[in-house]
C-alpha atoms as a PDB file:
ATOM      1  CA  MET A   1       0.000   0.000   0.000  1.00  0.00           C
ATOM      2  CA  ASN A   2       1.482   3.285  -1.090  1.00  0.00           C
ATOM      3  CA  ILE A   3      -0.201   6.447   0.197  1.00  0.00           C
ATOM      4  CA  ARG A   4       1.763   9.659   0.529  1.00  0.00           C
ATOM      5  CA  MET A   5       0.974  12.670   2.702  1.00  0.00           C
ATOM      6  CA  THR A   6       2.446  16.080   2.037  1.00  0.00           C
ATOM      7  CA  PRO A   7       3.926  17.993   4.987  1.00  0.00           C
ATOM      8  CA  ALA A   8       0.842  20.264   4.994  1.00  0.00           C
ATOM      9  CA  ALA A   9      -1.507  17.242   5.201  1.00  0.00           C
ATOM     10  CA  ARG A  10       0.507  15.623   7.996  1.00  0.00           C
ATOM     11  CA  GLU A  11       0.575  18.881   9.962  1.00  0.00           C
ATOM     12  CA  ARG A  12      -3.210  19.280   9.651  1.00  0.00           C
ATOM     13  CA  MET A  13      -3.822  15.658  10.686  1.00  0.00           C
ATOM     14  CA  HIS A  14      -1.493  15.965  13.692  1.00  0.00           C
ATOM     15  CA  THR A  15      -3.363  19.112  14.755  1.00  0.00           C
ATOM     16  CA  PHE A  16      -6.703  17.353  14.284  1.00  0.00           C
ATOM     17  CA  LEU A  17      -5.610  14.334  16.361  1.00  0.00           C
ATOM     18  CA  ALA A  18      -4.054  16.385  19.161  1.00  0.00           C
ATOM     19  CA  GLY A  19      -7.419  16.750  20.913  1.00  0.00           C
ATOM     20  CA  GLU A  20      -8.334  13.059  20.592  1.00  0.00           C
ATOM     21  CA  ALA A  21      -6.934  11.147  23.564  1.00  0.00           C
ATOM     22  CA  ASN A  22      -7.922   7.664  22.293  1.00  0.00           C
ATOM     23  CA  ALA A  23      -6.888   8.174  18.671  1.00  0.00           C
ATOM     24  CA  VAL A  24      -4.430   5.736  17.125  1.00  0.00           C
ATOM     25  CA  GLY A  25      -4.433   7.559  13.774  1.00  0.00           C
ATOM     26  CA  VAL A  26      -6.624   8.691  10.909  1.00  0.00           C
ATOM     27  CA  ARG A  27      -8.998   6.296   9.157  1.00  0.00           C
ATOM     28  CA  PHE A  28      -8.825   7.002   5.411  1.00  0.00           C
ATOM     29  CA  GLY A  29     -11.112   5.298   2.928  1.00  0.00           C
ATOM     30  CA  VAL A  30     -13.943   5.631   0.455  1.00  0.00           C
ATOM     31  CA  ARG A  31     -17.678   5.119   0.517  1.00  0.00           C
ATOM     32  CA  LYS A  32     -20.166   4.689  -2.305  1.00  0.00           C
ATOM     33  CA  THR A  33     -21.948   7.973  -2.844  1.00  0.00           C
ATOM     34  CA  GLY A  34     -22.323  10.986  -5.050  1.00  0.00           C
ATOM     35  CA  CYS A  35     -22.986  11.233  -8.736  1.00  0.00           C
ATOM     36  CA  SER A  36     -19.703   9.579  -9.748  1.00  0.00           C
ATOM     37  CA  GLY A  37     -19.562   6.607  -7.408  1.00  0.00           C
ATOM     38  CA  TYR A  38     -17.167   7.149  -4.481  1.00  0.00           C
ATOM     39  CA  SER A  39     -16.177   9.863  -2.064  1.00  0.00           C
ATOM     40  CA  TYR A  40     -13.219  10.001   0.293  1.00  0.00           C
ATOM     41  CA  THR A  41     -13.692   9.603   4.032  1.00  0.00           C
ATOM     42  CA  MET A  42     -11.361  10.683   6.808  1.00  0.00           C
ATOM     43  CA  ASP A  43     -12.085  10.267  10.486  1.00  0.00           C
ATOM     44  CA  VAL A  44     -10.410   9.671  13.819  1.00  0.00           C
ATOM     45  CA  ALA A  45      -9.402   6.018  14.219  1.00  0.00           C
ATOM     46  CA  ASN A  46      -9.644   4.637  17.726  1.00  0.00           C
ATOM     47  CA  ASP A  47      -8.637   1.109  16.733  1.00  0.00           C
ATOM     48  CA  VAL A  48      -7.099  -1.014  14.003  1.00  0.00           C
ATOM     49  CA  LYS A  49      -9.245  -3.865  12.739  1.00  0.00           C
ATOM     50  CA  PRO A  50      -7.757  -7.235  11.652  1.00  0.00           C
ATOM     51  CA  ASN A  51      -8.071  -6.601   7.884  1.00  0.00           C
ATOM     52  CA  ASP A  52      -6.912  -2.964   8.008  1.00  0.00           C
ATOM     53  CA  THR A  53      -3.692  -1.767   6.453  1.00  0.00           C
ATOM     54  CA  VAL A  54      -1.641   0.762   8.399  1.00  0.00           C
ATOM     55  CA  VAL A  55       0.479   3.272   6.502  1.00  0.00           C
ATOM     56  CA  GLU A  56       2.803   5.297   8.718  1.00  0.00           C
ATOM     57  CA  GLN A  57       4.651   8.430   7.703  1.00  0.00           C
ATOM     58  CA  ASP A  58       6.553  10.681  10.125  1.00  0.00           C
ATOM     59  CA  GLY A  59       4.737   9.257  13.140  1.00  0.00           C
ATOM     60  CA  LEU A  60       1.252   9.643  11.641  1.00  0.00           C
ATOM     61  CA  LYS A  61      -0.760   6.483  11.025  1.00  0.00           C
ATOM     62  CA  LEU A  62      -3.345   6.175   8.263  1.00  0.00           C
ATOM     63  CA  ILE A  63      -5.617   3.180   8.733  1.00  0.00           C
ATOM     64  CA  VAL A  64      -7.225   1.857   5.531  1.00  0.00           C
ATOM     65  CA  ASP A  65      -9.938  -0.809   5.368  1.00  0.00           C
ATOM     66  CA  ALA A  66      -9.564  -3.726   2.947  1.00  0.00           C
ATOM     67  CA  LYS A  67     -12.404  -2.623   0.616  1.00  0.00           C
ATOM     68  CA  SER A  68     -11.001   0.896   0.191  1.00  0.00           C
ATOM     69  CA  ALA A  69      -7.372  -0.150  -0.251  1.00  0.00           C
ATOM     70  CA  PRO A  70      -7.385  -0.976  -3.993  1.00  0.00           C
ATOM     71  CA  LEU A  71      -9.316   2.213  -4.779  1.00  0.00           C
ATOM     72  CA  ILE A  72      -6.886   4.556  -2.996  1.00  0.00           C
ATOM     73  CA  ASP A  73      -3.530   2.803  -3.366  1.00  0.00           C
ATOM     74  CA  GLY A  74      -1.036   5.339  -4.722  1.00  0.00           C
ATOM     75  CA  THR A  75      -2.995   8.395  -3.560  1.00  0.00           C
ATOM     76  CA  GLU A  76      -1.229  11.557  -2.465  1.00  0.00           C
ATOM     77  CA  ILE A  77      -3.018  13.539   0.244  1.00  0.00           C
ATOM     78  CA  ASP A  78      -2.382  17.277   0.461  1.00  0.00           C
ATOM     79  CA  PHE A  79      -3.945  20.075   2.494  1.00  0.00           C
ATOM     80  CA  ALA A  80      -4.549  23.372   0.744  1.00  0.00           C
ATOM     81  CA  ARG A  81      -5.678  26.799   1.862  1.00  0.00           C
ATOM     82  CA  HIS A  82      -7.393  29.158  -0.575  1.00  0.00           C
ATOM     83  CA  GLY A  83      -8.348  32.433   1.058  1.00  0.00           C
ATOM     84  CA  LEU A  84     -10.716  31.612   3.917  1.00  0.00           C
ATOM     85  CA  ASN A  85     -11.240  28.030   2.723  1.00  0.00           C
ATOM     86  CA  SER A  86      -9.118  24.994   3.464  1.00  0.00           C
ATOM     87  CA  THR A  87      -9.507  21.378   2.359  1.00  0.00           C
ATOM     88  CA  PHE A  88      -7.757  18.089   1.865  1.00  0.00           C
ATOM     89  CA  VAL A  89      -6.814  17.442  -1.765  1.00  0.00           C
ATOM     90  CA  PHE A  90      -6.545  13.878  -3.082  1.00  0.00           C
ATOM     91  CA  ARG A  91      -4.420  12.976  -6.108  1.00  0.00           C
ATOM     92  CA  ASN A  92      -5.546   9.446  -6.861  1.00  0.00           C
ATOM     93  CA  PRO A  93      -4.014   7.615  -9.853  1.00  0.00           C
ATOM     94  CA  ASN A  94      -6.914   5.120  -9.764  1.00  0.00           C
ATOM     95  CA  SER A  95      -9.534   7.794 -10.409  1.00  0.00           C
ATOM     96  CA  SER A  96     -10.710   7.837 -14.006  1.00  0.00           C
ATOM     97  CA  GLY A  97     -12.959  10.861 -13.534  1.00  0.00           C
ATOM     98  CA  GLU A  98     -14.829  13.107 -11.137  1.00  0.00           C
ATOM     99  CA  CYS A  99     -18.283  14.561 -11.000  1.00  0.00           C
ATOM    100  CA  GLY A 100     -18.711  18.189 -12.013  1.00  0.00           C
ATOM    101  CA  CYS A 101     -18.614  19.487  -8.439  1.00  0.00           C
ATOM    102  CA  GLY A 102     -15.519  17.418  -7.555  1.00  0.00           C
ATOM    103  CA  GLU A 103     -17.155  15.745  -4.545  1.00  0.00           C
ATOM    104  CA  SER A 104     -17.006  12.187  -5.897  1.00  0.00           C
ATOM    105  CA  PHE A 105     -14.926  10.102  -8.292  1.00  0.00           C
ATOM    106  CA  HIS A 106     -15.099   6.867 -10.227  1.00  0.00           C
ATOM    107  CA  VAL A 107     -12.704   4.157 -11.321  1.00  0.00           C
ATOM    108  CA  GLU A 108     -12.847   2.022 -14.469  1.00  0.00           C
ATOM    109  CA  SER A 109     -12.907  -1.314 -12.648  1.00  0.00           C
ATOM    110  CA  ALA A 110     -14.119  -0.899  -9.070  1.00  0.00           C
ATOM    111  CA  ALA A 111     -12.770  -3.500  -6.685  1.00  0.00           C
END
């Protein structure tokens, strides 16, 4: 599993987790939704399940479930600020397109 986090993304995740005493990392995955098929999910992870994959970079753990893994393998996660707005940005080589609003994506052969 190859997922990369930019320094800006790692900094934002560390800040986010600082207030979560039971957190073991960030759960990163996808869920079926939107007009294109999948959207990214990120949440506090309080545990690691048996079929999860753990990707660690600079002391930050991303926990990925088995169903999401093939859809996000190779993704780069960044965190960008644009004026008053800020958001995580996902560069996913598996994505073959996005919906018009950019909230969901699809892949040619979904796992």
